[in-house]
PDB file of N, CA and C in Angstrom:
ATOM      1  N   UNK A   1      11.736 -25.145 -17.756  1.00  0.00           N
ATOM      2  CA  UNK A   1      12.539 -26.310 -17.417  1.00  0.00           C
ATOM      3  C   UNK A   1      14.018 -25.931 -17.395  1.00  0.00           C
ATOM      4  N   UNK A   2      14.391 -24.924 -18.150  1.00  0.00           N
ATOM      5  CA  UNK A   2      15.774 -24.494 -18.182  1.00  0.00           C
ATOM      6  C   UNK A   2      16.593 -25.130 -19.297  1.00  0.00           C
ATOM      7  N   UNK A   3      15.931 -25.842 -20.201  1.00  0.00           N
ATOM      8  CA  UNK A   3      16.658 -26.475 -21.301  1.00  0.00           C
ATOM      9  C   UNK A   3      17.088 -25.427 -22.319  1.00  0.00           C
ATOM     10  N   UNK A   4      16.238 -24.474 -22.574  1.00  0.00           N
ATOM     11  CA  UNK A   4      16.474 -23.488 -23.615  1.00  0.00           C
ATOM     12  C   UNK A   4      16.374 -22.093 -23.015  1.00  0.00           C
ATOM     13  N   UNK A   5      17.500 -21.390 -22.965  1.00  0.00           N
ATOM     14  CA  UNK A   5      17.490 -20.043 -22.389  1.00  0.00           C
ATOM     15  C   UNK A   5      16.969 -19.000 -23.368  1.00  0.00           C
ATOM     16  N   UNK A   6      17.342 -19.121 -24.639  1.00  0.00           N
ATOM     17  CA  UNK A   6      16.939 -18.161 -25.661  1.00  0.00           C
ATOM     18  C   UNK A   6      16.265 -18.923 -26.806  1.00  0.00           C
ATOM     19  N   UNK A   7      14.979 -18.731 -27.032  1.00  0.00           N
ATOM     20  CA  UNK A   7      14.264 -19.550 -28.017  1.00  0.00           C
ATOM     21  C   UNK A   7      14.446 -19.124 -29.474  1.00  0.00           C
ATOM     22  N   UNK A   8      15.369 -18.201 -29.763  1.00  0.00           N
ATOM     23  CA  UNK A   8      15.514 -17.721 -31.141  1.00  0.00           C
ATOM     24  C   UNK A   8      15.917 -18.836 -32.097  1.00  0.00           C
ATOM     25  N   UNK A   9      16.855 -19.663 -31.710  1.00  0.00           N
ATOM     26  CA  UNK A   9      17.320 -20.732 -32.597  1.00  0.00           C
ATOM     27  C   UNK A   9      16.217 -21.769 -32.830  1.00  0.00           C
ATOM     28  N   UNK A  10      15.426 -22.042 -31.839  1.00  0.00           N
ATOM     29  CA  UNK A  10      14.309 -22.975 -31.991  1.00  0.00           C
ATOM     30  C   UNK A  10      13.257 -22.419 -32.949  1.00  0.00           C
ATOM     31  N   UNK A  11      12.975 -21.134 -32.842  1.00  0.00           N
ATOM     32  CA  UNK A  11      11.987 -20.506 -33.716  1.00  0.00           C
ATOM     33  C   UNK A  11      12.471 -20.509 -35.163  1.00  0.00           C
ATOM     34  N   UNK A  12      13.718 -20.121 -35.379  1.00  0.00           N
ATOM     35  CA  UNK A  12      14.265 -20.082 -36.734  1.00  0.00           C
ATOM     36  C   UNK A  12      14.324 -21.484 -37.325  1.00  0.00           C
ATOM     37  N   UNK A  13      14.735 -22.466 -36.552  1.00  0.00           N
ATOM     38  CA  UNK A  13      14.815 -23.841 -37.044  1.00  0.00           C
ATOM     39  C   UNK A  13      13.466 -24.439 -37.384  1.00  0.00           C
ATOM     40  N   UNK A  14      12.434 -24.025 -36.696  1.00  0.00           N
ATOM     41  CA  UNK A  14      11.110 -24.577 -36.988  1.00  0.00           C
ATOM     42  C   UNK A  14      10.433 -23.863 -38.157  1.00  0.00           C
ATOM     43  N   UNK A  15      10.859 -22.649 -38.487  1.00  0.00           N
ATOM     44  CA  UNK A  15      10.255 -21.903 -39.581  1.00  0.00           C
ATOM     45  C   UNK A  15      10.925 -22.204 -40.919  1.00  0.00           C
ATOM     46  N   UNK A  16      12.185 -22.538 -40.917  1.00  0.00           N
ATOM     47  CA  UNK A  16      12.942 -22.713 -42.163  1.00  0.00           C
ATOM     48  C   UNK A  16      12.309 -23.710 -43.136  1.00  0.00           C
ATOM     49  N   UNK A  17      11.784 -24.845 -42.706  1.00  0.00           N
ATOM     50  CA  UNK A  17      11.159 -25.746 -43.691  1.00  0.00           C
ATOM     51  C   UNK A  17       9.882 -25.186 -44.331  1.00  0.00           C
ATOM     52  N   UNK A  18       9.287 -24.189 -43.723  1.00  0.00           N
ATOM     53  CA  UNK A  18       8.047 -23.624 -44.245  1.00  0.00           C
ATOM     54  C   UNK A  18       8.266 -22.576 -45.330  1.00  0.00           C
ATOM     55  N   UNK A  19       9.477 -22.053 -45.452  1.00  0.00           N
ATOM     56  CA  UNK A  19       9.736 -20.971 -46.402  1.00  0.00           C
ATOM     57  C   UNK A  19       9.642 -21.471 -47.841  1.00  0.00           C
ATOM     58  N   UNK A  20       9.103 -20.654 -48.721  1.00  0.00           N
ATOM     59  CA  UNK A  20       8.829 -21.086 -50.098  1.00  0.00           C
ATOM     60  C   UNK A  20      10.006 -20.879 -51.048  1.00  0.00           C
ATOM     61  N   UNK A  21      11.143 -21.442 -50.759  1.00  0.00           N
ATOM     62  CA  UNK A  21      12.311 -21.278 -51.614  1.00  0.00           C
ATOM     63  C   UNK A  21      12.157 -21.936 -52.964  1.00  0.00           C
ATOM     64  N   UNK A  22      11.606 -23.133 -52.996  1.00  0.00           N
ATOM     65  CA  UNK A  22      11.440 -23.855 -54.260  1.00  0.00           C
ATOM     66  C   UNK A  22      10.445 -23.137 -55.164  1.00  0.00           C
ATOM     67  N   UNK A  23       9.365 -22.647 -54.614  1.00  0.00           N
ATOM     68  CA  UNK A  23       8.375 -21.929 -55.415  1.00  0.00           C
ATOM     69  C   UNK A  23       8.969 -20.642 -55.988  1.00  0.00           C
ATOM     70  N   UNK A  24       9.804 -19.974 -55.212  1.00  0.00           N
ATOM     71  CA  UNK A  24      10.431 -18.749 -55.694  1.00  0.00           C
ATOM     72  C   UNK A  24      11.396 -19.043 -56.846  1.00  0.00           C
ATOM     73  N   UNK A  25      12.203 -20.086 -56.697  1.00  0.00           N
ATOM     74  CA  UNK A  25      13.153 -20.457 -57.750  1.00  0.00           C
ATOM     75  C   UNK A  25      12.420 -20.901 -59.012  1.00  0.00           C
ATOM     76  N   UNK A  26      11.349 -21.669 -58.853  1.00  0.00           N
ATOM     77  CA  UNK A  26      10.575 -22.084 -60.032  1.00  0.00           C
ATOM     78  C   UNK A  26       9.929 -20.881 -60.714  1.00  0.00           C
ATOM     79  N   UNK A  27       9.505 -19.917 -59.937  1.00  0.00           N
ATOM     80  CA  UNK A  27       8.953 -18.702 -60.523  1.00  0.00           C
ATOM     81  C   UNK A  27       9.996 -17.932 -61.310  1.00  0.00           C
ATOM     82  N   UNK A  28      11.196 -17.844 -60.780  1.00  0.00           N
ATOM     83  CA  UNK A  28      12.270 -17.176 -61.511  1.00  0.00           C
ATOM     84  C   UNK A  28      12.632 -17.940 -62.777  1.00  0.00           C
ATOM     85  N   UNK A  29      12.640 -19.261 -62.710  1.00  0.00           N
ATOM     86  CA  UNK A  29      12.916 -20.061 -63.908  1.00  0.00           C
ATOM     87  C   UNK A  29      11.835 -19.848 -64.969  1.00  0.00           C
ATOM     88  N   UNK A  30      10.588 -19.744 -64.535  1.00  0.00           N
ATOM     89  CA  UNK A  30       9.504 -19.466 -65.479  1.00  0.00           C
ATOM     90  C   UNK A  30       9.677 -18.092 -66.119  1.00  0.00           C
ATOM     91  N   UNK A  31      10.071 -17.117 -65.327  1.00  0.00           N
ATOM     92  CA  UNK A  31      10.280 -15.778 -65.876  1.00  0.00           C
ATOM     93  C   UNK A  31      11.417 -15.772 -66.890  1.00  0.00           C
ATOM     94  N   UNK A  32      12.499 -16.458 -66.580  1.00  0.00           N
ATOM     95  CA  UNK A  32      13.641 -16.496 -67.491  1.00  0.00           C
ATOM     96  C   UNK A  32      13.291 -17.222 -68.781  1.00  0.00           C
ATOM     97  N   UNK A  33      12.502 -18.280 -68.676  1.00  0.00           N
ATOM     98  CA  UNK A  33      12.146 -19.044 -69.877  1.00  0.00           C
ATOM     99  C   UNK A  33      11.069 -18.360 -70.722  1.00  0.00           C
ATOM    100  N   UNK A  34      10.459 -17.299 -70.212  1.00  0.00           N
ATOM    101  CA  UNK A  34       9.506 -16.548 -71.002  1.00  0.00           C
ATOM    102  C   UNK A  34       8.057 -16.705 -70.601  1.00  0.00           C
ATOM    103  N   UNK A  35       7.768 -17.544 -69.640  1.00  0.00           N
ATOM    104  CA  UNK A  35       6.394 -17.710 -69.154  1.00  0.00           C
ATOM    105  C   UNK A  35       6.102 -16.623 -68.118  1.00  0.00           C
ATOM    106  N   UNK A  36       5.705 -15.469 -68.591  1.00  0.00           N
ATOM    107  CA  UNK A  36       5.600 -14.311 -67.708  1.00  0.00           C
ATOM    108  C   UNK A  36       4.461 -14.432 -66.706  1.00  0.00           C
ATOM    109  N   UNK A  37       3.315 -14.906 -67.126  1.00  0.00           N
ATOM    110  CA  UNK A  37       2.166 -14.993 -66.220  1.00  0.00           C
ATOM    111  C   UNK A  37       2.436 -16.025 -65.126  1.00  0.00           C
ATOM    112  N   UNK A  38       2.944 -17.183 -65.518  1.00  0.00           N
ATOM    113  CA  UNK A  38       3.238 -18.232 -64.548  1.00  0.00           C
ATOM    114  C   UNK A  38       4.357 -17.795 -63.596  1.00  0.00           C
ATOM    115  N   UNK A  39       5.389 -17.148 -64.128  1.00  0.00           N
ATOM    116  CA  UNK A  39       6.501 -16.713 -63.292  1.00  0.00           C
ATOM    117  C   UNK A  39       6.106 -15.667 -62.279  1.00  0.00           C
ATOM    118  N   UNK A  40       5.350 -14.681 -62.728  1.00  0.00           N
ATOM    119  CA  UNK A  40       4.913 -13.625 -61.813  1.00  0.00           C
ATOM    120  C   UNK A  40       3.991 -14.187 -60.748  1.00  0.00           C
ATOM    121  N   UNK A  41       3.105 -15.093 -61.128  1.00  0.00           N
ATOM    122  CA  UNK A  41       2.175 -15.647 -60.146  1.00  0.00           C
ATOM    123  C   UNK A  41       2.907 -16.508 -59.116  1.00  0.00           C
ATOM    124  N   UNK A  42       3.905 -17.274 -59.540  1.00  0.00           N
ATOM    125  CA  UNK A  42       4.647 -18.099 -58.568  1.00  0.00           C
ATOM    126  C   UNK A  42       5.499 -17.247 -57.635  1.00  0.00           C
ATOM    127  N   UNK A  43       6.150 -16.229 -58.186  1.00  0.00           N
ATOM    128  CA  UNK A  43       6.957 -15.348 -57.337  1.00  0.00           C
ATOM    129  C   UNK A  43       6.063 -14.603 -56.351  1.00  0.00           C
ATOM    130  N   UNK A  44       4.917 -14.126 -56.816  1.00  0.00           N
ATOM    131  CA  UNK A  44       3.989 -13.419 -55.931  1.00  0.00           C
ATOM    132  C   UNK A  44       3.437 -14.352 -54.858  1.00  0.00           C
ATOM    133  N   UNK A  45       3.137 -15.591 -55.240  1.00  0.00           N
ATOM    134  CA  UNK A  45       2.661 -16.570 -54.259  1.00  0.00           C
ATOM    135  C   UNK A  45       3.727 -16.842 -53.201  1.00  0.00           C
ATOM    136  N   UNK A  46       4.978 -16.986 -53.624  1.00  0.00           N
ATOM    137  CA  UNK A  46       6.065 -17.209 -52.676  1.00  0.00           C
ATOM    138  C   UNK A  46       6.224 -16.019 -51.740  1.00  0.00           C
ATOM    139  N   UNK A  47       6.095 -14.815 -52.291  1.00  0.00           N
ATOM    140  CA  UNK A  47       6.172 -13.614 -51.462  1.00  0.00           C
ATOM    141  C   UNK A  47       5.026 -13.560 -50.453  1.00  0.00           C
ATOM    142  N   UNK A  48       3.825 -13.903 -50.873  1.00  0.00           N
ATOM    143  CA  UNK A  48       2.683 -13.881 -49.953  1.00  0.00           C
ATOM    144  C   UNK A  48       2.837 -14.909 -48.841  1.00  0.00           C
ATOM    145  N   UNK A  49       3.342 -16.089 -49.178  1.00  0.00           N
ATOM    146  CA  UNK A  49       3.553 -17.119 -48.162  1.00  0.00           C
ATOM    147  C   UNK A  49       4.593 -16.656 -47.150  1.00  0.00           C
ATOM    148  N   UNK A  50       5.697 -16.094 -47.643  1.00  0.00           N
ATOM    149  CA  UNK A  50       6.748 -15.613 -46.741  1.00  0.00           C
ATOM    150  C   UNK A  50       6.233 -14.472 -45.861  1.00  0.00           C
ATOM    151  N   UNK A  51       5.445 -13.580 -46.429  1.00  0.00           N
ATOM    152  CA  UNK A  51       4.887 -12.476 -45.647  1.00  0.00           C
ATOM    153  C   UNK A  51       3.899 -12.983 -44.597  1.00  0.00           C
ATOM    154  N   UNK A  52       3.086 -13.971 -44.950  1.00  0.00           N
ATOM    155  CA  UNK A  52       2.130 -14.519 -43.986  1.00  0.00           C
ATOM    156  C   UNK A  52       2.851 -15.215 -42.832  1.00  0.00           C
ATOM    157  N   UNK A  53       3.926 -15.938 -43.151  1.00  0.00           N
ATOM    158  CA  UNK A  53       4.701 -16.589 -42.093  1.00  0.00           C
ATOM    159  C   UNK A  53       5.343 -15.541 -41.185  1.00  0.00           C
ATOM    160  N   UNK A  54       5.899 -14.492 -41.779  1.00  0.00           N
ATOM    161  CA  UNK A  54       6.542 -13.441 -40.989  1.00  0.00           C
ATOM    162  C   UNK A  54       5.535 -12.709 -40.104  1.00  0.00           C
ATOM    163  N   UNK A  55       4.372 -12.410 -40.640  1.00  0.00           N
ATOM    164  CA  UNK A  55       3.351 -11.718 -39.844  1.00  0.00           C
ATOM    165  C   UNK A  55       2.847 -12.611 -38.720  1.00  0.00           C
ATOM    166  N   UNK A  56       2.648 -13.883 -39.017  1.00  0.00           N
ATOM    167  CA  UNK A  56       2.182 -14.811 -37.979  1.00  0.00           C
ATOM    168  C   UNK A  56       3.186 -14.986 -36.856  1.00  0.00           C
ATOM    169  N   UNK A  57       4.431 -15.196 -37.206  1.00  0.00           N
ATOM    170  CA  UNK A  57       5.466 -15.362 -36.175  1.00  0.00           C
ATOM    171  C   UNK A  57       5.662 -14.068 -35.398  1.00  0.00           C
ATOM    172  N   UNK A  58       5.652 -12.951 -36.113  1.00  0.00           N
ATOM    173  CA  UNK A  58       5.818 -11.666 -35.429  1.00  0.00           C
ATOM    174  C   UNK A  58       4.696 -11.363 -34.464  1.00  0.00           C
ATOM    175  N   UNK A  59       3.473 -11.669 -34.859  1.00  0.00           N
ATOM    176  CA  UNK A  59       2.350 -11.387 -33.956  1.00  0.00           C
ATOM    177  C   UNK A  59       2.360 -12.308 -32.741  1.00  0.00           C
ATOM    178  N   UNK A  60       2.723 -13.561 -32.939  1.00  0.00           N
ATOM    179  CA  UNK A  60       2.800 -14.480 -31.794  1.00  0.00           C
ATOM    180  C   UNK A  60       3.911 -14.065 -30.850  1.00  0.00           C
ATOM    181  N   UNK A  61       5.071 -13.680 -31.386  1.00  0.00           N
ATOM    182  CA  UNK A  61       6.159 -13.230 -30.526  1.00  0.00           C
ATOM    183  C   UNK A  61       5.797 -11.941 -29.804  1.00  0.00           C
ATOM    184  N   UNK A  62       5.099 -11.038 -30.469  1.00  0.00           N
ATOM    185  CA  UNK A  62       4.659  -9.813 -29.818  1.00  0.00           C
ATOM    186  C   UNK A  62       3.686 -10.117 -28.687  1.00  0.00           C
ATOM    187  N   UNK A  63       2.737 -11.013 -28.954  1.00  0.00           N
ATOM    188  CA  UNK A  63       1.788 -11.421 -27.919  1.00  0.00           C
ATOM    189  C   UNK A  63       2.517 -12.063 -26.740  1.00  0.00           C
ATOM    190  N   UNK A  64       3.499 -12.910 -27.033  1.00  0.00           N
ATOM    191  CA  UNK A  64       4.241 -13.594 -25.979  1.00  0.00           C
ATOM    192  C   UNK A  64       5.051 -12.608 -25.139  1.00  0.00           C
ATOM    193  N   UNK A  65       5.681 -11.626 -25.784  1.00  0.00           N
ATOM    194  CA  UNK A  65       6.477 -10.649 -25.050  1.00  0.00           C
ATOM    195  C   UNK A  65       5.577  -9.755 -24.187  1.00  0.00           C
ATOM    196  N   UNK A  66       4.424  -9.364 -24.744  1.00  0.00           N
ATOM    197  CA  UNK A  66       3.537  -8.474 -24.000  1.00  0.00           C
ATOM    198  C   UNK A  66       2.847  -9.146 -22.812  1.00  0.00           C
ATOM    199  N   UNK A  67       2.457 -10.418 -22.971  1.00  0.00           N
ATOM    200  CA  UNK A  67       1.630 -11.036 -21.946  1.00  0.00           C
ATOM    201  C   UNK A  67       2.262 -12.194 -21.191  1.00  0.00           C
ATOM    202  N   UNK A  68       3.332 -12.772 -21.731  1.00  0.00           N
ATOM    203  CA  UNK A  68       3.842 -13.933 -21.036  1.00  0.00           C
ATOM    204  C   UNK A  68       5.333 -13.966 -20.804  1.00  0.00           C
ATOM    205  N   UNK A  69       6.103 -13.236 -21.588  1.00  0.00           N
ATOM    206  CA  UNK A  69       7.535 -13.400 -21.516  1.00  0.00           C
ATOM    207  C   UNK A  69       8.218 -12.274 -20.881  1.00  0.00           C
TER     208      UNK A  69
END
């Protein structure tokens, strides 16, 4: 349609609400307060979520560049 020439800003804006910032901060707070098992598990969960989002977006963008863009 010609509305959006470069979709980078749209992609970043749609991914930002999905990032696990609150879970990461709560995990760090748990670690600082001494709850080691809970803190490590929350930080690891936040890392896994961020990695899954990055892999998913990267694979879709790779597919789009190779076959459609």
